[in-house]
Amino acid sequence: MTKFVCALPVFLPLLAHAAALPASDAFAKPHQRVDIGGLHINLFCAGTGSTTAIFDGPAGDAGWAWFKVQPEVARHTRACTYDRAGFGLSDPAPRPNTSENAGRWSP
């Protein structure tokens, strides 16, 4: 958590700049389909660096919720977004999407 809090002031100006960027077609197609125990999630990474920033869709949105932010962060380090099970271009979730089932992939 400390690393996240320390990085926040660095990324806040990027977030403000990213709000003015045009939408990207990159999020409209599957990228890397990652098998996590028989369930495939869609992962999209850009940029390079020793640190990887991972973006999770807010409030059940898919990874495309970050389409304005990820390219800006990727200018400085590796940045990845993913679609949770049942959202975006990932496979359907095997369980209802509740907080109790978060992170549980098998039925």
PDB file of N, CA and C in Angstrom:
ATOM      1  N   MET A   1       0.825  -1.192   0.000  1.00  0.00           N
ATOM      2  CA  MET A   1       0.000   0.000   0.000  1.00  0.00           C
ATOM      3  C   MET A   1       0.865   1.249   0.000  1.00  0.00           C
ATOM      4  N   THR A   2       2.012   1.194   0.677  1.00  0.00           N
ATOM      5  CA  THR A   2       2.885   2.357   0.751  1.00  0.00           C
ATOM      6  C   THR A   2       3.380   2.767  -0.626  1.00  0.00           C
ATOM      7  N   LYS A   3       3.741   1.771  -1.461  1.00  0.00           N
ATOM      8  CA  LYS A   3       4.221   2.090  -2.804  1.00  0.00           C
ATOM      9  C   LYS A   3       3.131   2.770  -3.615  1.00  0.00           C
ATOM     10  N   PHE A   4       1.888   2.316  -3.471  1.00  0.00           N
ATOM     11  CA  PHE A   4       0.774   2.920  -4.201  1.00  0.00           C
ATOM     12  C   PHE A   4       0.580   4.364  -3.769  1.00  0.00           C
ATOM     13  N   VAL A   5       0.575   4.612  -2.471  1.00  0.00           N
ATOM     14  CA  VAL A   5       0.363   5.959  -1.950  1.00  0.00           C
ATOM     15  C   VAL A   5       1.496   6.878  -2.392  1.00  0.00           C
ATOM     16  N   CYS A   6       2.728   6.370  -2.395  1.00  0.00           N
ATOM     17  CA  CYS A   6       3.872   7.177  -2.818  1.00  0.00           C
ATOM     18  C   CYS A   6       3.810   7.494  -4.305  1.00  0.00           C
ATOM     19  N   ALA A   7       3.282   6.572  -5.113  1.00  0.00           N
ATOM     20  CA  ALA A   7       3.214   6.770  -6.559  1.00  0.00           C
ATOM     21  C   ALA A   7       2.054   7.664  -6.962  1.00  0.00           C
ATOM     22  N   LEU A   8       1.061   7.794  -6.127  1.00  0.00           N
ATOM     23  CA  LEU A   8      -0.130   8.564  -6.479  1.00  0.00           C
ATOM     24  C   LEU A   8       0.191  10.001  -6.892  1.00  0.00           C
ATOM     25  N   PRO A   9       1.027  10.758  -6.154  1.00  0.00           N
ATOM     26  CA  PRO A   9       1.327  12.127  -6.588  1.00  0.00           C
ATOM     27  C   PRO A   9       2.005  12.182  -7.954  1.00  0.00           C
ATOM     28  N   VAL A  10       2.746  11.153  -8.315  1.00  0.00           N
ATOM     29  CA  VAL A  10       3.407  11.103  -9.617  1.00  0.00           C
ATOM     30  C   VAL A  10       2.385  10.929 -10.725  1.00  0.00           C
ATOM     31  N   PHE A  11       1.376  10.093 -10.505  1.00  0.00           N
ATOM     32  CA  PHE A  11       0.405   9.780 -11.545  1.00  0.00           C
ATOM     33  C   PHE A  11      -0.765  10.762 -11.625  1.00  0.00           C
ATOM     34  N   LEU A  12      -1.014  11.552 -10.587  1.00  0.00           N
ATOM     35  CA  LEU A  12      -2.146  12.482 -10.628  1.00  0.00           C
ATOM     36  C   LEU A  12      -2.071  13.469 -11.793  1.00  0.00           C
ATOM     37  N   PRO A  13      -0.899  14.076 -12.079  1.00  0.00           N
ATOM     38  CA  PRO A  13      -0.846  14.960 -13.249  1.00  0.00           C
ATOM     39  C   PRO A  13      -1.109  14.205 -14.553  1.00  0.00           C
ATOM     40  N   LEU A  14      -0.693  12.948 -14.621  1.00  0.00           N
ATOM     41  CA  LEU A  14      -0.952  12.137 -15.815  1.00  0.00           C
ATOM     42  C   LEU A  14      -2.442  11.913 -15.993  1.00  0.00           C
ATOM     43  N   LEU A  15      -3.144  11.688 -14.888  1.00  0.00           N
ATOM     44  CA  LEU A  15      -4.587  11.470 -14.963  1.00  0.00           C
ATOM     45  C   LEU A  15      -5.297  12.714 -15.485  1.00  0.00           C
ATOM     46  N   ALA A  16      -4.858  13.872 -15.054  1.00  0.00           N
ATOM     47  CA  ALA A  16      -5.479  15.108 -15.521  1.00  0.00           C
ATOM     48  C   ALA A  16      -5.245  15.295 -17.013  1.00  0.00           C
ATOM     49  N   HIS A  17      -4.022  15.032 -17.467  1.00  0.00           N
ATOM     50  CA  HIS A  17      -3.710  15.155 -18.894  1.00  0.00           C
ATOM     51  C   HIS A  17      -4.457  14.111 -19.709  1.00  0.00           C
ATOM     52  N   ALA A  18      -4.596  12.929 -19.192  1.00  0.00           N
ATOM     53  CA  ALA A  18      -5.242  11.834 -19.913  1.00  0.00           C
ATOM     54  C   ALA A  18      -6.707  12.109 -20.187  1.00  0.00           C
ATOM     55  N   ALA A  19      -7.351  12.894 -19.361  1.00  0.00           N
ATOM     56  CA  ALA A  19      -8.775  13.182 -19.557  1.00  0.00           C
ATOM     57  C   ALA A  19      -9.032  13.899 -20.878  1.00  0.00           C
ATOM     58  N   ALA A  20      -8.002  14.558 -21.425  1.00  0.00           N
ATOM     59  CA  ALA A  20      -8.174  15.295 -22.670  1.00  0.00           C
ATOM     60  C   ALA A  20      -7.842  14.464 -23.908  1.00  0.00           C
ATOM     61  N   LEU A  21      -7.414  13.234 -23.751  1.00  0.00           N
ATOM     62  CA  LEU A  21      -7.015  12.399 -24.878  1.00  0.00           C
ATOM     63  C   LEU A  21      -8.216  11.791 -25.586  1.00  0.00           C
ATOM     64  N   PRO A  22      -8.097  11.520 -26.903  1.00  0.00           N
ATOM     65  CA  PRO A  22      -9.187  10.855 -27.617  1.00  0.00           C
ATOM     66  C   PRO A  22      -9.282   9.385 -27.225  1.00  0.00           C
ATOM     67  N   ALA A  23     -10.443   8.783 -27.449  1.00  0.00           N
ATOM     68  CA  ALA A  23     -10.643   7.364 -27.142  1.00  0.00           C
ATOM     69  C   ALA A  23      -9.732   6.503 -28.011  1.00  0.00           C
ATOM     70  N   SER A  24      -9.359   5.340 -27.515  1.00  0.00           N
ATOM     71  CA  SER A  24      -8.466   4.428 -28.225  1.00  0.00           C
ATOM     72  C   SER A  24      -9.220   3.198 -28.699  1.00  0.00           C
ATOM     73  N   ASP A  25      -8.913   2.759 -29.925  1.00  0.00           N
ATOM     74  CA  ASP A  25      -9.484   1.526 -30.463  1.00  0.00           C
ATOM     75  C   ASP A  25      -8.807   0.286 -29.877  1.00  0.00           C
ATOM     76  N   ALA A  26      -7.688   0.475 -29.184  1.00  0.00           N
ATOM     77  CA  ALA A  26      -6.930  -0.657 -28.656  1.00  0.00           C
ATOM     78  C   ALA A  26      -7.743  -1.509 -27.691  1.00  0.00           C
ATOM     79  N   PHE A  27      -8.708  -0.917 -27.025  1.00  0.00           N
ATOM     80  CA  PHE A  27      -9.487  -1.647 -26.024  1.00  0.00           C
ATOM     81  C   PHE A  27     -10.694  -2.362 -26.622  1.00  0.00           C
ATOM     82  N   ALA A  28     -10.903  -2.232 -27.917  1.00  0.00           N
ATOM     83  CA  ALA A  28     -12.083  -2.812 -28.566  1.00  0.00           C
ATOM     84  C   ALA A  28     -11.862  -4.238 -29.050  1.00  0.00           C
ATOM     85  N   LYS A  29     -10.694  -4.798 -28.791  1.00  0.00           N
ATOM     86  CA  LYS A  29     -10.399  -6.156 -29.249  1.00  0.00           C
ATOM     87  C   LYS A  29      -9.643  -6.905 -28.159  1.00  0.00           C
ATOM     88  N   PRO A  30      -9.703  -8.239 -28.188  1.00  0.00           N
ATOM     89  CA  PRO A  30      -8.939  -9.005 -27.197  1.00  0.00           C
ATOM     90  C   PRO A  30      -7.438  -8.851 -27.448  1.00  0.00           C
ATOM     91  N   HIS A  31      -6.683  -8.931 -26.400  1.00  0.00           N
ATOM     92  CA  HIS A  31      -5.230  -8.834 -26.521  1.00  0.00           C
ATOM     93  C   HIS A  31      -4.606 -10.164 -26.115  1.00  0.00           C
ATOM     94  N   GLN A  32      -4.156 -10.269 -24.901  1.00  0.00           N
ATOM     95  CA  GLN A  32      -3.570 -11.518 -24.420  1.00  0.00           C
ATOM     96  C   GLN A  32      -4.601 -12.215 -23.548  1.00  0.00           C
ATOM     97  N   ARG A  33      -5.014 -13.395 -23.956  1.00  0.00           N
ATOM     98  CA  ARG A  33      -5.993 -14.164 -23.179  1.00  0.00           C
ATOM     99  C   ARG A  33      -5.196 -15.049 -22.219  1.00  0.00           C
ATOM    100  N   VAL A  34      -5.304 -14.778 -20.941  1.00  0.00           N
ATOM    101  CA  VAL A  34      -4.535 -15.473 -19.920  1.00  0.00           C
ATOM    102  C   VAL A  34      -5.411 -16.520 -19.249  1.00  0.00           C
ATOM    103  N   ASP A  35      -4.929 -17.752 -19.231  1.00  0.00           N
ATOM    104  CA  ASP A  35      -5.644 -18.864 -18.602  1.00  0.00           C
ATOM    105  C   ASP A  35      -5.349 -18.854 -17.105  1.00  0.00           C
ATOM    106  N   ILE A  36      -6.389 -18.697 -16.311  1.00  0.00           N
ATOM    107  CA  ILE A  36      -6.225 -18.741 -14.854  1.00  0.00           C
ATOM    108  C   ILE A  36      -7.102 -19.872 -14.315  1.00  0.00           C
ATOM    109  N   GLY A  37      -6.633 -21.078 -14.523  1.00  0.00           N
ATOM    110  CA  GLY A  37      -7.361 -22.248 -14.034  1.00  0.00           C
ATOM    111  C   GLY A  37      -8.583 -22.606 -14.854  1.00  0.00           C
ATOM    112  N   GLY A  38      -8.487 -22.494 -16.170  1.00  0.00           N
ATOM    113  CA  GLY A  38      -9.602 -22.848 -17.034  1.00  0.00           C
ATOM    114  C   GLY A  38     -10.476 -21.670 -17.435  1.00  0.00           C
ATOM    115  N   LEU A  39     -10.282 -20.541 -16.832  1.00  0.00           N
ATOM    116  CA  LEU A  39     -11.002 -19.313 -17.170  1.00  0.00           C
ATOM    117  C   LEU A  39     -10.007 -18.386 -17.857  1.00  0.00           C
ATOM    118  N   HIS A  40     -10.414 -17.790 -18.971  1.00  0.00           N
ATOM    119  CA  HIS A  40      -9.516 -16.893 -19.699  1.00  0.00           C
ATOM    120  C   HIS A  40      -9.927 -15.444 -19.480  1.00  0.00           C
ATOM    121  N   ILE A  41      -8.957 -14.659 -19.007  1.00  0.00           N
ATOM    122  CA  ILE A  41      -9.207 -13.235 -18.853  1.00  0.00           C
ATOM    123  C   ILE A  41      -8.423 -12.483 -19.922  1.00  0.00           C
ATOM    124  N   ASN A  42      -8.927 -11.323 -20.307  1.00  0.00           N
ATOM    125  CA  ASN A  42      -8.286 -10.479 -21.295  1.00  0.00           C
ATOM    126  C   ASN A  42      -7.327  -9.531 -20.590  1.00  0.00           C
ATOM    127  N   LEU A  43      -6.069  -9.525 -21.031  1.00  0.00           N
ATOM    128  CA  LEU A  43      -5.034  -8.675 -20.452  1.00  0.00           C
ATOM    129  C   LEU A  43      -4.437  -7.819 -21.548  1.00  0.00           C
ATOM    130  N   PHE A  44      -4.283  -6.526 -21.294  1.00  0.00           N
ATOM    131  CA  PHE A  44      -3.705  -5.600 -22.258  1.00  0.00           C
ATOM    132  C   PHE A  44      -2.607  -4.815 -21.567  1.00  0.00           C
ATOM    133  N   CYS A  45      -1.357  -5.009 -22.017  1.00  0.00           N
ATOM    134  CA  CYS A  45      -0.209  -4.314 -21.436  1.00  0.00           C
ATOM    135  C   CYS A  45       0.456  -3.432 -22.487  1.00  0.00           C
ATOM    136  N   ALA A  46       1.014  -2.326 -22.031  1.00  0.00           N
ATOM    137  CA  ALA A  46       1.747  -1.406 -22.891  1.00  0.00           C
ATOM    138  C   ALA A  46       2.872  -0.784 -22.073  1.00  0.00           C
ATOM    139  N   GLY A  47       3.903  -0.317 -22.761  1.00  0.00           N
ATOM    140  CA  GLY A  47       5.017   0.339 -22.097  1.00  0.00           C
ATOM    141  C   GLY A  47       6.023  -0.641 -21.545  1.00  0.00           C
ATOM    142  N   THR A  48       7.107  -0.116 -21.046  1.00  0.00           N
ATOM    143  CA  THR A  48       8.163  -0.925 -20.443  1.00  0.00           C
ATOM    144  C   THR A  48       8.666  -0.233 -19.183  1.00  0.00           C
ATOM    145  N   GLY A  49       9.222  -1.023 -18.307  1.00  0.00           N
ATOM    146  CA  GLY A  49       9.791  -0.480 -17.086  1.00  0.00           C
ATOM    147  C   GLY A  49       9.905  -1.549 -16.025  1.00  0.00           C
ATOM    148  N   SER A  50      10.640  -1.236 -14.968  1.00  0.00           N
ATOM    149  CA  SER A  50      10.848  -2.210 -13.900  1.00  0.00           C
ATOM    150  C   SER A  50       9.625  -2.362 -13.003  1.00  0.00           C
ATOM    151  N   THR A  51       8.722  -1.403 -13.050  1.00  0.00           N
ATOM    152  CA  THR A  51       7.491  -1.448 -12.270  1.00  0.00           C
ATOM    153  C   THR A  51       6.317  -1.636 -13.219  1.00  0.00           C
ATOM    154  N   THR A  52       5.345  -2.427 -12.816  1.00  0.00           N
ATOM    155  CA  THR A  52       4.134  -2.607 -13.612  1.00  0.00           C
ATOM    156  C   THR A  52       2.953  -2.048 -12.837  1.00  0.00           C
ATOM    157  N   ALA A  53       2.238  -1.123 -13.458  1.00  0.00           N
ATOM    158  CA  ALA A  53       1.003  -0.590 -12.881  1.00  0.00           C
ATOM    159  C   ALA A  53      -0.148  -1.424 -13.433  1.00  0.00           C
ATOM    160  N   ILE A  54      -0.988  -1.952 -12.558  1.00  0.00           N
ATOM    161  CA  ILE A  54      -2.120  -2.784 -12.978  1.00  0.00           C
ATOM    162  C   ILE A  54      -3.408  -2.034 -12.671  1.00  0.00           C
ATOM    163  N   PHE A  55      -4.253  -1.908 -13.694  1.00  0.00           N
ATOM    164  CA  PHE A  55      -5.508  -1.187 -13.564  1.00  0.00           C
ATOM    165  C   PHE A  55      -6.672  -2.161 -13.561  1.00  0.00           C
ATOM    166  N   ASP A  56      -7.478  -2.089 -12.549  1.00  0.00           N
ATOM    167  CA  ASP A  56      -8.661  -2.919 -12.381  1.00  0.00           C
ATOM    168  C   ASP A  56      -9.876  -2.041 -12.651  1.00  0.00           C
ATOM    169  N   GLY A  57     -10.825  -2.538 -13.412  1.00  0.00           N
ATOM    170  CA  GLY A  57     -12.019  -1.761 -13.732  1.00  0.00           C
ATOM    171  C   GLY A  57     -12.796  -1.374 -12.484  1.00  0.00           C
ATOM    172  N   PRO A  58     -13.174  -0.101 -12.355  1.00  0.00           N
ATOM    173  CA  PRO A  58     -13.929   0.332 -11.184  1.00  0.00           C
ATOM    174  C   PRO A  58     -15.383  -0.110 -11.239  1.00  0.00           C
ATOM    175  N   ALA A  59     -15.933  -0.468 -10.129  1.00  0.00           N
ATOM    176  CA  ALA A  59     -17.357  -0.784  -9.981  1.00  0.00           C
ATOM    177  C   ALA A  59     -17.853  -1.793 -11.008  1.00  0.00           C
ATOM    178  N   GLY A  60     -17.016  -2.788 -11.309  1.00  0.00           N
ATOM    179  CA  GLY A  60     -17.447  -3.831 -12.227  1.00  0.00           C
ATOM    180  C   GLY A  60     -17.302  -3.487 -13.690  1.00  0.00           C
ATOM    181  N   ASP A  61     -16.675  -2.361 -14.029  1.00  0.00           N
ATOM    182  CA  ASP A  61     -16.415  -2.045 -15.427  1.00  0.00           C
ATOM    183  C   ASP A  61     -15.295  -2.926 -15.948  1.00  0.00           C
ATOM    184  N   ALA A  62     -15.197  -3.025 -17.249  1.00  0.00           N
ATOM    185  CA  ALA A  62     -14.086  -3.751 -17.864  1.00  0.00           C
ATOM    186  C   ALA A  62     -12.859  -2.850 -17.889  1.00  0.00           C
ATOM    187  N   GLY A  63     -11.745  -3.392 -18.363  1.00  0.00           N
ATOM    188  CA  GLY A  63     -10.489  -2.649 -18.394  1.00  0.00           C
ATOM    189  C   GLY A  63     -10.534  -1.378 -19.221  1.00  0.00           C
ATOM    190  N   TRP A  64     -11.472  -1.303 -20.188  1.00  0.00           N
ATOM    191  CA  TRP A  64     -11.503  -0.109 -21.038  1.00  0.00           C
ATOM    192  C   TRP A  64     -11.850   1.154 -20.265  1.00  0.00           C
ATOM    193  N   ALA A  65     -12.241   1.027 -19.022  1.00  0.00           N
ATOM    194  CA  ALA A  65     -12.487   2.217 -18.204  1.00  0.00           C
ATOM    195  C   ALA A  65     -11.218   3.057 -18.068  1.00  0.00           C
ATOM    196  N   TRP A  66     -10.059   2.433 -18.323  1.00  0.00           N
ATOM    197  CA  TRP A  66      -8.770   3.109 -18.182  1.00  0.00           C
ATOM    198  C   TRP A  66      -8.174   3.543 -19.523  1.00  0.00           C
ATOM    199  N   PHE A  67      -8.982   3.590 -20.595  1.00  0.00           N
ATOM    200  CA  PHE A  67      -8.432   3.829 -21.927  1.00  0.00           C
ATOM    201  C   PHE A  67      -7.729   5.178 -22.063  1.00  0.00           C
ATOM    202  N   LYS A  68      -8.041   6.142 -21.233  1.00  0.00           N
ATOM    203  CA  LYS A  68      -7.357   7.435 -21.297  1.00  0.00           C
ATOM    204  C   LYS A  68      -6.125   7.487 -20.392  1.00  0.00           C
ATOM    205  N   VAL A  69      -6.124   6.691 -19.359  1.00  0.00           N
ATOM    206  CA  VAL A  69      -5.045   6.738 -18.376  1.00  0.00           C
ATOM    207  C   VAL A  69      -3.887   5.818 -18.741  1.00  0.00           C
ATOM    208  N   GLN A  70      -4.195   4.595 -19.161  1.00  0.00           N
ATOM    209  CA  GLN A  70      -3.142   3.616 -19.413  1.00  0.00           C
ATOM    210  C   GLN A  70      -2.071   4.106 -20.396  1.00  0.00           C
ATOM    211  N   PRO A  71      -2.420   4.720 -21.533  1.00  0.00           N
ATOM    212  CA  PRO A  71      -1.368   5.165 -22.456  1.00  0.00           C
ATOM    213  C   PRO A  71      -0.421   6.191 -21.833  1.00  0.00           C
ATOM    214  N   GLU A  72      -0.947   7.030 -20.982  1.00  0.00           N
ATOM    215  CA  GLU A  72      -0.089   8.029 -20.333  1.00  0.00           C
ATOM    216  C   GLU A  72       0.862   7.380 -19.338  1.00  0.00           C
ATOM    217  N   VAL A  73       0.374   6.443 -18.554  1.00  0.00           N
ATOM    218  CA  VAL A  73       1.225   5.739 -17.595  1.00  0.00           C
ATOM    219  C   VAL A  73       2.253   4.902 -18.349  1.00  0.00           C
ATOM    220  N   ALA A  74       1.842   4.298 -19.476  1.00  0.00           N
ATOM    221  CA  ALA A  74       2.737   3.454 -20.273  1.00  0.00           C
ATOM    222  C   ALA A  74       3.894   4.252 -20.881  1.00  0.00           C
ATOM    223  N   ARG A  75       3.796   5.548 -20.913  1.00  0.00           N
ATOM    224  CA  ARG A  75       4.924   6.368 -21.375  1.00  0.00           C
ATOM    225  C   ARG A  75       6.070   6.345 -20.376  1.00  0.00           C
ATOM    226  N   HIS A  76       5.788   5.924 -19.128  1.00  0.00           N
ATOM    227  CA  HIS A  76       6.783   5.961 -18.059  1.00  0.00           C
ATOM    228  C   HIS A  76       7.158   4.587 -17.527  1.00  0.00           C
ATOM    229  N   THR A  77       6.264   3.611 -17.645  1.00  0.00           N
ATOM    230  CA  THR A  77       6.524   2.265 -17.129  1.00  0.00           C
ATOM    231  C   THR A  77       5.541   1.295 -17.785  1.00  0.00           C
ATOM    232  N   ARG A  78       5.620   0.040 -17.440  1.00  0.00           N
ATOM    233  CA  ARG A  78       4.686  -0.952 -17.981  1.00  0.00           C
ATOM    234  C   ARG A  78       3.329  -0.757 -17.302  1.00  0.00           C
ATOM    235  N   ALA A  79       2.274  -0.735 -18.103  1.00  0.00           N
ATOM    236  CA  ALA A  79       0.925  -0.528 -17.583  1.00  0.00           C
ATOM    237  C   ALA A  79       0.002  -1.583 -18.177  1.00  0.00           C
ATOM    238  N   CYS A  80      -0.754  -2.268 -17.315  1.00  0.00           N
ATOM    239  CA  CYS A  80      -1.636  -3.344 -17.761  1.00  0.00           C
ATOM    240  C   CYS A  80      -3.053  -3.121 -17.237  1.00  0.00           C
ATOM    241  N   THR A  81      -4.016  -3.413 -18.074  1.00  0.00           N
ATOM    242  CA  THR A  81      -5.408  -3.450 -17.652  1.00  0.00           C
ATOM    243  C   THR A  81      -5.930  -4.852 -17.918  1.00  0.00           C
ATOM    244  N   TYR A  82      -6.916  -5.255 -17.160  1.00  0.00           N
ATOM    245  CA  TYR A  82      -7.523  -6.557 -17.414  1.00  0.00           C
ATOM    246  C   TYR A  82      -9.022  -6.454 -17.211  1.00  0.00           C
ATOM    247  N   ASP A  83      -9.719  -7.356 -17.882  1.00  0.00           N
ATOM    248  CA  ASP A  83     -11.168  -7.452 -17.723  1.00  0.00           C
ATOM    249  C   ASP A  83     -11.446  -8.552 -16.717  1.00  0.00           C
ATOM    250  N   ARG A  84     -12.169  -8.244 -15.666  1.00  0.00           N
ATOM    251  CA  ARG A  84     -12.554  -9.274 -14.699  1.00  0.00           C
ATOM    252  C   ARG A  84     -13.441 -10.304 -15.373  1.00  0.00           C
ATOM    253  N   ALA A  85     -13.506 -11.482 -14.793  1.00  0.00           N
ATOM    254  CA  ALA A  85     -14.373 -12.539 -15.322  1.00  0.00           C
ATOM    255  C   ALA A  85     -15.796 -12.011 -15.449  1.00  0.00           C
ATOM    256  N   GLY A  86     -16.389 -12.253 -16.619  1.00  0.00           N
ATOM    257  CA  GLY A  86     -17.753 -11.812 -16.852  1.00  0.00           C
ATOM    258  C   GLY A  86     -17.871 -10.397 -17.390  1.00  0.00           C
ATOM    259  N   PHE A  87     -16.753  -9.713 -17.567  1.00  0.00           N
ATOM    260  CA  PHE A  87     -16.768  -8.345 -18.075  1.00  0.00           C
ATOM    261  C   PHE A  87     -15.874  -8.239 -19.299  1.00  0.00           C
ATOM    262  N   GLY A  88     -16.167  -7.246 -20.135  1.00  0.00           N
ATOM    263  CA  GLY A  88     -15.333  -6.972 -21.291  1.00  0.00           C
ATOM    264  C   GLY A  88     -15.146  -8.196 -22.162  1.00  0.00           C
ATOM    265  N   LEU A  89     -13.889  -8.535 -22.447  1.00  0.00           N
ATOM    266  CA  LEU A  89     -13.551  -9.628 -23.352  1.00  0.00           C
ATOM    267  C   LEU A  89     -13.060 -10.870 -22.624  1.00  0.00           C
ATOM    268  N   SER A  90     -13.294 -10.943 -21.322  1.00  0.00           N
ATOM    269  CA  SER A  90     -12.942 -12.132 -20.543  1.00  0.00           C
ATOM    270  C   SER A  90     -14.102 -13.124 -20.550  1.00  0.00           C
ATOM    271  N   ASP A  91     -13.778 -14.375 -20.209  1.00  0.00           N
ATOM    272  CA  ASP A  91     -14.814 -15.406 -20.131  1.00  0.00           C
ATOM    273  C   ASP A  91     -15.835 -15.071 -19.053  1.00  0.00           C
ATOM    274  N   PRO A  92     -17.044 -15.623 -19.175  1.00  0.00           N
ATOM    275  CA  PRO A  92     -18.048 -15.416 -18.128  1.00  0.00           C
ATOM    276  C   PRO A  92     -17.572 -15.969 -16.784  1.00  0.00           C
ATOM    277  N   ALA A  93     -18.000 -15.329 -15.735  1.00  0.00           N
ATOM    278  CA  ALA A  93     -17.652 -15.788 -14.390  1.00  0.00           C
ATOM    279  C   ALA A  93     -18.440 -17.050 -14.058  1.00  0.00           C
ATOM    280  N   PRO A  94     -17.796 -18.043 -13.423  1.00  0.00           N
ATOM    281  CA  PRO A  94     -18.494 -19.275 -13.070  1.00  0.00           C
ATOM    282  C   PRO A  94     -19.397 -19.133 -11.850  1.00  0.00           C
ATOM    283  N   ARG A  95     -19.260 -18.039 -11.126  1.00  0.00           N
ATOM    284  CA  ARG A  95     -20.052 -17.774  -9.922  1.00  0.00           C
ATOM    285  C   ARG A  95     -20.674 -16.384 -10.042  1.00  0.00           C
ATOM    286  N   PRO A  96     -21.683 -16.098  -9.259  1.00  0.00           N
ATOM    287  CA  PRO A  96     -22.241 -14.739  -9.265  1.00  0.00           C
ATOM    288  C   PRO A  96     -21.161 -13.721  -8.893  1.00  0.00           C
ATOM    289  N   ASN A  97     -21.241 -12.540  -9.461  1.00  0.00           N
ATOM    290  CA  ASN A  97     -20.255 -11.500  -9.215  1.00  0.00           C
ATOM    291  C   ASN A  97     -20.574 -10.772  -7.907  1.00  0.00           C
ATOM    292  N   THR A  98     -20.109 -11.348  -6.816  1.00  0.00           N
ATOM    293  CA  THR A  98     -20.290 -10.748  -5.497  1.00  0.00           C
ATOM    294  C   THR A  98     -18.935 -10.578  -4.837  1.00  0.00           C
ATOM    295  N   SER A  99     -18.866  -9.767  -3.820  1.00  0.00           N
ATOM    296  CA  SER A  99     -17.602  -9.582  -3.108  1.00  0.00           C
ATOM    297  C   SER A  99     -17.153 -10.891  -2.459  1.00  0.00           C
ATOM    298  N   GLU A 100     -18.100 -11.704  -2.057  1.00  0.00           N
ATOM    299  CA  GLU A 100     -17.758 -12.992  -1.452  1.00  0.00           C
ATOM    300  C   GLU A 100     -17.038 -13.902  -2.432  1.00  0.00           C
ATOM    301  N   ASN A 101     -17.374 -13.799  -3.732  1.00  0.00           N
ATOM    302  CA  ASN A 101     -16.782 -14.662  -4.749  1.00  0.00           C
ATOM    303  C   ASN A 101     -15.587 -14.038  -5.454  1.00  0.00           C
ATOM    304  N   ALA A 102     -15.187 -12.832  -5.101  1.00  0.00           N
ATOM    305  CA  ALA A 102     -14.073 -12.181  -5.768  1.00  0.00           C
ATOM    306  C   ALA A 102     -12.813 -13.042  -5.669  1.00  0.00           C
ATOM    307  N   GLY A 103     -12.179 -13.263  -6.803  1.00  0.00           N
ATOM    308  CA  GLY A 103     -10.950 -14.041  -6.845  1.00  0.00           C
ATOM    309  C   GLY A 103     -11.142 -15.537  -6.837  1.00  0.00           C
ATOM    310  N   ARG A 104     -12.376 -16.019  -6.819  1.00  0.00           N
ATOM    311  CA  ARG A 104     -12.636 -17.459  -6.844  1.00  0.00           C
ATOM    312  C   ARG A 104     -13.023 -17.825  -8.267  1.00  0.00           C
ATOM    313  N   TRP A 105     -12.172 -18.610  -8.936  1.00  0.00           N
ATOM    314  CA  TRP A 105     -12.380 -18.888 -10.351  1.00  0.00           C
ATOM    315  C   TRP A 105     -13.138 -20.178 -10.597  1.00  0.00           C
ATOM    316  N   SER A 106     -12.935 -21.173  -9.771  1.00  0.00           N
ATOM    317  CA  SER A 106     -13.564 -22.462 -10.052  1.00  0.00           C
ATOM    318  C   SER A 106     -14.956 -22.523  -9.418  1.00  0.00           C
ATOM    319  N   PRO A 107     -15.842 -23.337 -10.004  1.00  0.00           N
ATOM    320  CA  PRO A 107     -17.218 -23.433  -9.473  1.00  0.00           C
ATOM    321  C   PRO A 107     -17.283 -24.035  -8.081  1.00  0.00           C
TER     322      PRO A 107
END
